[in-house]
Amino acid sequence: MNDEATVKAIESGYDNRIDIIQIMSYNNGATSKLAYNIASDSQLAQIGSTAPVAAENLRTALGYSELDFIYNGRVVMTVDINGTRKY
């Protein structure tokens, strides 16, 4: 999942407003989740209430129903399959 081309494609979907360090998958109990490890959680305020379509399409194609944003080892935001911020 740590593929530079994929990271750049996702970053472009966010208009380079988020510095994505790594794309990773992990298990949260019985659920496999996709996560973006980000450089700063202060950047999340710039996203708005809906995630960009480019990232949504990529996440859907990879088969995940939620996308987590992780900063300093903790989930700071989750976006669901519809692109809506959960927190």
C-alpha atoms as a PDB file:
ATOM      1  CA  MET A   1       0.000   0.000   0.000  1.00  0.00           C
ATOM      2  CA  ASN A   2       2.983   2.301   0.314  1.00  0.00           C
ATOM      3  CA  ASP A   3       3.116   3.039  -3.421  1.00  0.00           C
ATOM      4  CA  GLU A   4       4.349   6.505  -4.386  1.00  0.00           C
ATOM      5  CA  ALA A   5       2.152   6.773  -7.505  1.00  0.00           C
ATOM      6  CA  THR A   6      -0.948   5.872  -5.495  1.00  0.00           C
ATOM      7  CA  VAL A   7      -0.054   8.374  -2.779  1.00  0.00           C
ATOM      8  CA  LYS A   8       0.382  11.113  -5.399  1.00  0.00           C
ATOM      9  CA  ALA A   9      -2.972  10.248  -7.020  1.00  0.00           C
ATOM     10  CA  ILE A  10      -4.738  10.523  -3.688  1.00  0.00           C
ATOM     11  CA  GLU A  11      -2.939  13.747  -2.789  1.00  0.00           C
ATOM     12  CA  SER A  12      -4.022  15.301  -6.089  1.00  0.00           C
ATOM     13  CA  GLY A  13      -7.604  14.393  -5.202  1.00  0.00           C
ATOM     14  CA  TYR A  14      -7.219  16.554  -2.130  1.00  0.00           C
ATOM     15  CA  ASP A  15      -5.708  19.448  -4.098  1.00  0.00           C
ATOM     16  CA  ASN A  16      -2.490  18.817  -2.182  1.00  0.00           C
ATOM     17  CA  ARG A  17      -4.093  20.148   0.999  1.00  0.00           C
ATOM     18  CA  ILE A  18      -3.052  17.046   2.922  1.00  0.00           C
ATOM     19  CA  ASP A  19       0.472  15.738   3.258  1.00  0.00           C
ATOM     20  CA  ILE A  20      -0.027  11.976   3.029  1.00  0.00           C
ATOM     21  CA  ILE A  21       2.999  10.119   4.358  1.00  0.00           C
ATOM     22  CA  GLN A  22       1.755   6.596   3.736  1.00  0.00           C
ATOM     23  CA  ILE A  23      -1.299   4.651   2.636  1.00  0.00           C
ATOM     24  CA  MET A  24      -1.908   1.565   4.711  1.00  0.00           C
ATOM     25  CA  SER A  25      -4.445  -1.068   5.577  1.00  0.00           C
ATOM     26  CA  TYR A  26      -4.952  -2.420   9.060  1.00  0.00           C
ATOM     27  CA  ASN A  27      -7.377  -4.526  11.061  1.00  0.00           C
ATOM     28  CA  ASN A  28      -9.712  -2.932  13.576  1.00  0.00           C
ATOM     29  CA  GLY A  29     -11.180  -5.988  15.235  1.00  0.00           C
ATOM     30  CA  ALA A  30     -12.694  -8.078  12.426  1.00  0.00           C
ATOM     31  CA  THR A  31     -12.839  -5.104  10.033  1.00  0.00           C
ATOM     32  CA  SER A  32     -10.099  -4.404   7.488  1.00  0.00           C
ATOM     33  CA  LYS A  33      -9.664  -0.654   7.106  1.00  0.00           C
ATOM     34  CA  LEU A  34      -7.841   1.667   4.737  1.00  0.00           C
ATOM     35  CA  ALA A  35      -5.964   4.584   6.281  1.00  0.00           C
ATOM     36  CA  TYR A  36      -3.932   7.600   5.249  1.00  0.00           C
ATOM     37  CA  ASN A  37      -1.071   8.349   7.626  1.00  0.00           C
ATOM     38  CA  ILE A  38      -0.874  12.163   7.509  1.00  0.00           C
ATOM     39  CA  ALA A  39       1.778  14.686   8.537  1.00  0.00           C
ATOM     40  CA  SER A  40      -0.546  17.110  10.342  1.00  0.00           C
ATOM     41  CA  ASP A  41      -4.068  16.860  11.691  1.00  0.00           C
ATOM     42  CA  SER A  42      -4.525  20.637  11.371  1.00  0.00           C
ATOM     43  CA  GLN A  43      -4.884  20.128   7.602  1.00  0.00           C
ATOM     44  CA  LEU A  44      -8.139  18.186   8.047  1.00  0.00           C
ATOM     45  CA  ALA A  45     -10.141  21.361   8.692  1.00  0.00           C
ATOM     46  CA  GLN A  46      -9.496  22.377   5.078  1.00  0.00           C
ATOM     47  CA  ILE A  47     -11.253  19.340   3.626  1.00  0.00           C
ATOM     48  CA  GLY A  48     -14.835  20.307   4.417  1.00  0.00           C
ATOM     49  CA  SER A  49     -17.670  17.895   5.139  1.00  0.00           C
ATOM     50  CA  THR A  50     -17.261  15.713   2.019  1.00  0.00           C
ATOM     51  CA  ALA A  51     -14.173  13.944   0.714  1.00  0.00           C
ATOM     52  CA  PRO A  52     -13.087  14.515  -2.903  1.00  0.00           C
ATOM     53  CA  VAL A  53     -14.422  12.213  -5.605  1.00  0.00           C
ATOM     54  CA  ALA A  54     -10.948  11.051  -6.702  1.00  0.00           C
ATOM     55  CA  ALA A  55     -10.217   9.538  -3.305  1.00  0.00           C
ATOM     56  CA  GLU A  56     -13.737   8.139  -3.035  1.00  0.00           C
ATOM     57  CA  ASN A  57     -13.390   6.266  -6.322  1.00  0.00           C
ATOM     58  CA  LEU A  58     -10.014   4.867  -5.341  1.00  0.00           C
ATOM     59  CA  ARG A  59     -11.247   3.715  -1.944  1.00  0.00           C
ATOM     60  CA  THR A  60     -14.352   2.096  -3.449  1.00  0.00           C
ATOM     61  CA  ALA A  61     -12.227   0.306  -6.062  1.00  0.00           C
ATOM     62  CA  LEU A  62     -10.036  -1.091  -3.285  1.00  0.00           C
ATOM     63  CA  GLY A  63     -13.087  -2.457  -1.481  1.00  0.00           C
ATOM     64  CA  TYR A  64     -13.123  -0.505   1.786  1.00  0.00           C
ATOM     65  CA  SER A  65     -16.260   1.074   3.261  1.00  0.00           C
ATOM     66  CA  GLU A  66     -14.424   3.624   5.374  1.00  0.00           C
ATOM     67  CA  LEU A  67     -11.237   5.619   5.141  1.00  0.00           C
ATOM     68  CA  ASP A  68      -9.349   6.655   8.277  1.00  0.00           C
ATOM     69  CA  PHE A  69      -6.902   9.511   8.617  1.00  0.00           C
ATOM     70  CA  ILE A  70      -4.188   8.692  11.154  1.00  0.00           C
ATOM     71  CA  TYR A  71      -1.910  11.223  12.808  1.00  0.00           C
ATOM     72  CA  ASN A  72       0.631  10.324  15.483  1.00  0.00           C
ATOM     73  CA  GLY A  73      -0.690   6.777  15.684  1.00  0.00           C
ATOM     74  CA  ARG A  74      -4.358   7.630  16.307  1.00  0.00           C
ATOM     75  CA  VAL A  75      -7.401   8.000  14.077  1.00  0.00           C
ATOM     76  CA  VAL A  76      -8.265  11.698  13.821  1.00  0.00           C
ATOM     77  CA  MET A  77     -10.972  11.482  11.143  1.00  0.00           C
ATOM     78  CA  THR A  78     -13.029   8.823   9.365  1.00  0.00           C
ATOM     79  CA  VAL A  79     -14.796   9.242   6.027  1.00  0.00           C
ATOM     80  CA  ASP A  80     -17.516   6.769   5.054  1.00  0.00           C
ATOM     81  CA  ILE A  81     -18.246   5.208   1.652  1.00  0.00           C
ATOM     82  CA  ASN A  82     -20.392   8.213   0.669  1.00  0.00           C
ATOM     83  CA  GLY A  83     -17.564  10.638   1.360  1.00  0.00           C
ATOM     84  CA  THR A  84     -19.191  12.013   4.511  1.00  0.00           C
ATOM     85  CA  ARG A  85     -16.995  12.858   7.471  1.00  0.00           C
ATOM     86  CA  LYS A  86     -17.969  10.801  10.503  1.00  0.00           C
ATOM     87  CA  TYR A  87     -15.657  12.654  12.902  1.00  0.00           C
END
